[in-house]
Amino acid sequence: MNVCDNIRLRTYVTLLAATGMRAVEALSIRIKDIDFDSNPAKVKIRGEYTKTKVDRIIFLTEELTQQLKSWLDYKYRTRRVCHQHKQHGKTITEYRTPETISYLPFTKIKRRQVLIYYTMIFVNLLFIP
């Protein structure tokens, strides 16, 4: 997993690999579906996105739990935003924190990124002495 430097893609691929869930199931996860307080952490997959149309609970590994927490911390970090004031023409700098949304934002991951990532892993496995 150290090959991938994109934290969003790394989290998505780790989620797929550690849980065995389908891509559509992973994309449908909401933040409120994840229970970080239980030990081990678990995620509820809603029935409308599963193959069998039945709700199910998936337990998360400690590594995946830490990765999801780091992704959420990274996504909702405070950011410096600069913009130009329309009347005065001065540059204004503000610090903003994005609002929490209910879905994990994996839907923007392009299929090409996933293919490149898996290709990199495969090539690395071939050339390990």
C-alpha atoms as a PDB file:
ATOM      1  CA  MET A   1       0.000   0.000   0.000  1.00  0.00           C
ATOM      2  CA  ASN A   2       2.973   2.337   0.312  1.00  0.00           C
ATOM      3  CA  VAL A   3       3.102   2.635  -3.478  1.00  0.00           C
ATOM      4  CA  CYS A   4      -0.018   4.806  -3.641  1.00  0.00           C
ATOM      5  CA  ASP A   5       0.431   8.443  -2.592  1.00  0.00           C
ATOM      6  CA  ASN A   6      -3.233   9.419  -3.123  1.00  0.00           C
ATOM      7  CA  ILE A   7      -4.849   9.049   0.319  1.00  0.00           C
ATOM      8  CA  ARG A   8      -8.387   8.829  -1.087  1.00  0.00           C
ATOM      9  CA  LEU A   9      -7.481   6.056  -3.537  1.00  0.00           C
ATOM     10  CA  ARG A  10      -5.419   4.214  -0.906  1.00  0.00           C
ATOM     11  CA  THR A  11      -8.372   4.277   1.501  1.00  0.00           C
ATOM     12  CA  TYR A  12     -10.780   3.038  -1.173  1.00  0.00           C
ATOM     13  CA  VAL A  13      -8.537   0.168  -2.299  1.00  0.00           C
ATOM     14  CA  THR A  14      -7.773  -0.798   1.312  1.00  0.00           C
ATOM     15  CA  LEU A  15     -11.510  -0.850   2.036  1.00  0.00           C
ATOM     16  CA  LEU A  16     -12.143  -3.140  -0.934  1.00  0.00           C
ATOM     17  CA  ALA A  17      -9.220  -5.436  -0.148  1.00  0.00           C
ATOM     18  CA  ALA A  18      -9.770  -5.722   3.616  1.00  0.00           C
ATOM     19  CA  THR A  19     -13.528  -6.271   3.512  1.00  0.00           C
ATOM     20  CA  GLY A  20     -14.131  -8.063   0.216  1.00  0.00           C
ATOM     21  CA  MET A  21     -17.090  -5.820  -0.516  1.00  0.00           C
ATOM     22  CA  ARG A  22     -18.110  -4.885  -4.026  1.00  0.00           C
ATOM     23  CA  ALA A  23     -17.237  -1.480  -5.473  1.00  0.00           C
ATOM     24  CA  VAL A  24     -20.875  -0.301  -5.430  1.00  0.00           C
ATOM     25  CA  GLU A  25     -21.191  -1.293  -1.775  1.00  0.00           C
ATOM     26  CA  ALA A  26     -18.062   0.670  -0.879  1.00  0.00           C
ATOM     27  CA  LEU A  27     -19.263   3.727  -2.791  1.00  0.00           C
ATOM     28  CA  SER A  28     -22.596   3.663  -0.954  1.00  0.00           C
ATOM     29  CA  ILE A  29     -21.121   3.878   2.553  1.00  0.00           C
ATOM     30  CA  ARG A  30     -22.160   6.906   4.568  1.00  0.00           C
ATOM     31  CA  ILE A  31     -20.193   8.228   7.516  1.00  0.00           C
ATOM     32  CA  LYS A  32     -23.089   7.360   9.813  1.00  0.00           C
ATOM     33  CA  ASP A  33     -22.889   3.731   8.603  1.00  0.00           C
ATOM     34  CA  ILE A  34     -19.439   3.352  10.218  1.00  0.00           C
ATOM     35  CA  ASP A  35     -19.260   2.531  13.930  1.00  0.00           C
ATOM     36  CA  PHE A  36     -15.783   3.456  15.156  1.00  0.00           C
ATOM     37  CA  ASP A  37     -16.809   3.040  18.815  1.00  0.00           C
ATOM     38  CA  SER A  38     -17.288  -0.725  18.688  1.00  0.00           C
ATOM     39  CA  ASN A  39     -14.343  -3.087  18.944  1.00  0.00           C
ATOM     40  CA  PRO A  40     -13.623  -4.092  16.224  1.00  0.00           C
ATOM     41  CA  ALA A  41     -15.054  -1.204  14.209  1.00  0.00           C
ATOM     42  CA  LYS A  42     -17.864  -2.158  11.847  1.00  0.00           C
ATOM     43  CA  VAL A  43     -19.730  -0.796   8.858  1.00  0.00           C
ATOM     44  CA  LYS A  44     -23.347  -1.403   7.900  1.00  0.00           C
ATOM     45  CA  ILE A  45     -23.971  -2.074   4.212  1.00  0.00           C
ATOM     46  CA  ARG A  46     -27.520  -1.145   3.235  1.00  0.00           C
ATOM     47  CA  GLY A  47     -29.518  -3.802   1.430  1.00  0.00           C
ATOM     48  CA  GLU A  48     -30.344  -1.718  -1.632  1.00  0.00           C
ATOM     49  CA  TYR A  49     -26.663  -1.839  -2.636  1.00  0.00           C
ATOM     50  CA  THR A  50     -25.891  -5.508  -1.910  1.00  0.00           C
ATOM     51  CA  LYS A  51     -26.153  -8.373  -4.351  1.00  0.00           C
ATOM     52  CA  THR A  52     -28.699 -10.214  -2.175  1.00  0.00           C
ATOM     53  CA  LYS A  53     -30.638  -7.034  -1.251  1.00  0.00           C
ATOM     54  CA  VAL A  54     -30.168  -7.818   2.475  1.00  0.00           C
ATOM     55  CA  ASP A  55     -28.496  -5.470   4.993  1.00  0.00           C
ATOM     56  CA  ARG A  56     -25.251  -6.766   6.429  1.00  0.00           C
ATOM     57  CA  ILE A  57     -22.554  -5.817   8.902  1.00  0.00           C
ATOM     58  CA  ILE A  58     -18.859  -5.985   8.011  1.00  0.00           C
ATOM     59  CA  PHE A  59     -16.130  -5.803  10.644  1.00  0.00           C
ATOM     60  CA  LEU A  60     -13.102  -3.642   9.872  1.00  0.00           C
ATOM     61  CA  THR A  61      -9.457  -4.415  10.537  1.00  0.00           C
ATOM     62  CA  GLU A  62      -7.436  -2.109  12.764  1.00  0.00           C
ATOM     63  CA  GLU A  63      -5.357  -0.995   9.768  1.00  0.00           C
ATOM     64  CA  LEU A  64      -8.477  -0.095   7.782  1.00  0.00           C
ATOM     65  CA  THR A  65     -10.005   1.704  10.770  1.00  0.00           C
ATOM     66  CA  GLN A  66      -6.890   3.866  11.107  1.00  0.00           C
ATOM     67  CA  GLN A  67      -6.843   4.530   7.356  1.00  0.00           C
ATOM     68  CA  LEU A  68     -10.500   5.621   7.365  1.00  0.00           C
ATOM     69  CA  LYS A  69      -9.901   7.915  10.353  1.00  0.00           C
ATOM     70  CA  SER A  70      -6.851   9.473   8.663  1.00  0.00           C
ATOM     71  CA  TRP A  71      -8.829  10.001   5.456  1.00  0.00           C
ATOM     72  CA  LEU A  72     -11.693  11.691   7.306  1.00  0.00           C
ATOM     73  CA  ASP A  73      -9.234  13.885   9.271  1.00  0.00           C
ATOM     74  CA  TYR A  74      -7.512  14.831   6.018  1.00  0.00           C
ATOM     75  CA  LYS A  75     -10.737  15.535   4.147  1.00  0.00           C
ATOM     76  CA  TYR A  76     -12.263  17.748   6.832  1.00  0.00           C
ATOM     77  CA  ARG A  77      -9.088  19.591   7.838  1.00  0.00           C
ATOM     78  CA  THR A  78      -9.051  23.373   8.110  1.00  0.00           C
ATOM     79  CA  ARG A  79      -7.804  24.935   4.875  1.00  0.00           C
ATOM     80  CA  ARG A  80      -6.530  28.340   3.921  1.00  0.00           C
ATOM     81  CA  VAL A  81      -8.665  29.894   1.195  1.00  0.00           C
ATOM     82  CA  CYS A  82      -7.597  33.057  -0.637  1.00  0.00           C
ATOM     83  CA  HIS A  83      -9.889  35.151  -2.797  1.00  0.00           C
ATOM     84  CA  GLN A  84      -9.995  38.675  -4.107  1.00  0.00           C
ATOM     85  CA  HIS A  85     -12.529  41.141  -2.688  1.00  0.00           C
ATOM     86  CA  LYS A  86     -14.721  42.425  -5.532  1.00  0.00           C
ATOM     87  CA  GLN A  87     -15.036  46.034  -4.323  1.00  0.00           C
ATOM     88  CA  HIS A  88     -11.607  46.688  -2.825  1.00  0.00           C
ATOM     89  CA  GLY A  89      -9.500  44.403  -4.988  1.00  0.00           C
ATOM     90  CA  LYS A  90      -7.576  43.191  -1.945  1.00  0.00           C
ATOM     91  CA  THR A  91      -6.690  39.543  -1.433  1.00  0.00           C
ATOM     92  CA  ILE A  92      -8.516  38.095   1.549  1.00  0.00           C
ATOM     93  CA  THR A  93      -7.255  35.014   3.347  1.00  0.00           C
ATOM     94  CA  GLU A  94      -9.679  32.918   5.396  1.00  0.00           C
ATOM     95  CA  TYR A  95      -9.426  29.588   7.156  1.00  0.00           C
ATOM     96  CA  ARG A  96     -12.352  27.267   6.476  1.00  0.00           C
ATOM     97  CA  THR A  97     -13.285  23.733   7.410  1.00  0.00           C
ATOM     98  CA  PRO A  98     -15.420  21.863   4.864  1.00  0.00           C
ATOM     99  CA  GLU A  99     -18.838  20.819   6.067  1.00  0.00           C
ATOM    100  CA  THR A 100     -19.256  17.163   6.862  1.00  0.00           C
ATOM    101  CA  ILE A 101     -21.179  15.285   4.206  1.00  0.00           C
ATOM    102  CA  SER A 102     -22.880  11.981   4.764  1.00  0.00           C
ATOM    103  CA  TYR A 103     -21.222   9.974   1.964  1.00  0.00           C
ATOM    104  CA  LEU A 104     -17.586   8.979   1.770  1.00  0.00           C
ATOM    105  CA  PRO A 105     -16.311  10.747  -1.354  1.00  0.00           C
ATOM    106  CA  PHE A 106     -14.974   7.755  -3.265  1.00  0.00           C
ATOM    107  CA  THR A 107     -17.235   8.367  -6.242  1.00  0.00           C
ATOM    108  CA  LYS A 108     -14.728  10.769  -7.812  1.00  0.00           C
ATOM    109  CA  ILE A 109     -12.093   8.052  -8.105  1.00  0.00           C
ATOM    110  CA  LYS A 110     -11.618   7.255 -11.743  1.00  0.00           C
ATOM    111  CA  ARG A 111     -11.413   3.719 -13.033  1.00  0.00           C
ATOM    112  CA  ARG A 112      -8.090   4.622 -14.674  1.00  0.00           C
ATOM    113  CA  GLN A 113      -6.550   5.473 -11.265  1.00  0.00           C
ATOM    114  CA  VAL A 114      -7.562   2.101  -9.866  1.00  0.00           C
ATOM    115  CA  LEU A 115      -6.135   0.282 -12.897  1.00  0.00           C
ATOM    116  CA  ILE A 116      -2.855   2.192 -12.619  1.00  0.00           C
ATOM    117  CA  TYR A 117      -2.658   1.383  -8.916  1.00  0.00           C
ATOM    118  CA  TYR A 118      -3.231  -2.350  -9.417  1.00  0.00           C
ATOM    119  CA  THR A 119      -0.737  -2.374 -12.289  1.00  0.00           C
ATOM    120  CA  MET A 120       1.883  -0.764 -10.035  1.00  0.00           C
ATOM    121  CA  ILE A 121       1.289  -3.401  -7.343  1.00  0.00           C
ATOM    122  CA  PHE A 122       1.490  -6.214  -9.905  1.00  0.00           C
ATOM    123  CA  VAL A 123       4.739  -4.870 -11.385  1.00  0.00           C
ATOM    124  CA  ASN A 124       6.239  -4.508  -7.915  1.00  0.00           C
ATOM    125  CA  LEU A 125       5.322  -8.113  -7.084  1.00  0.00           C
ATOM    126  CA  LEU A 126       6.993  -9.318 -10.271  1.00  0.00           C
ATOM    127  CA  PHE A 127      10.291  -7.592  -9.532  1.00  0.00           C
ATOM    128  CA  ILE A 128      10.651  -8.372  -5.837  1.00  0.00           C
ATOM    129  CA  PRO A 129      13.778 -10.528  -5.429  1.00  0.00           C
END
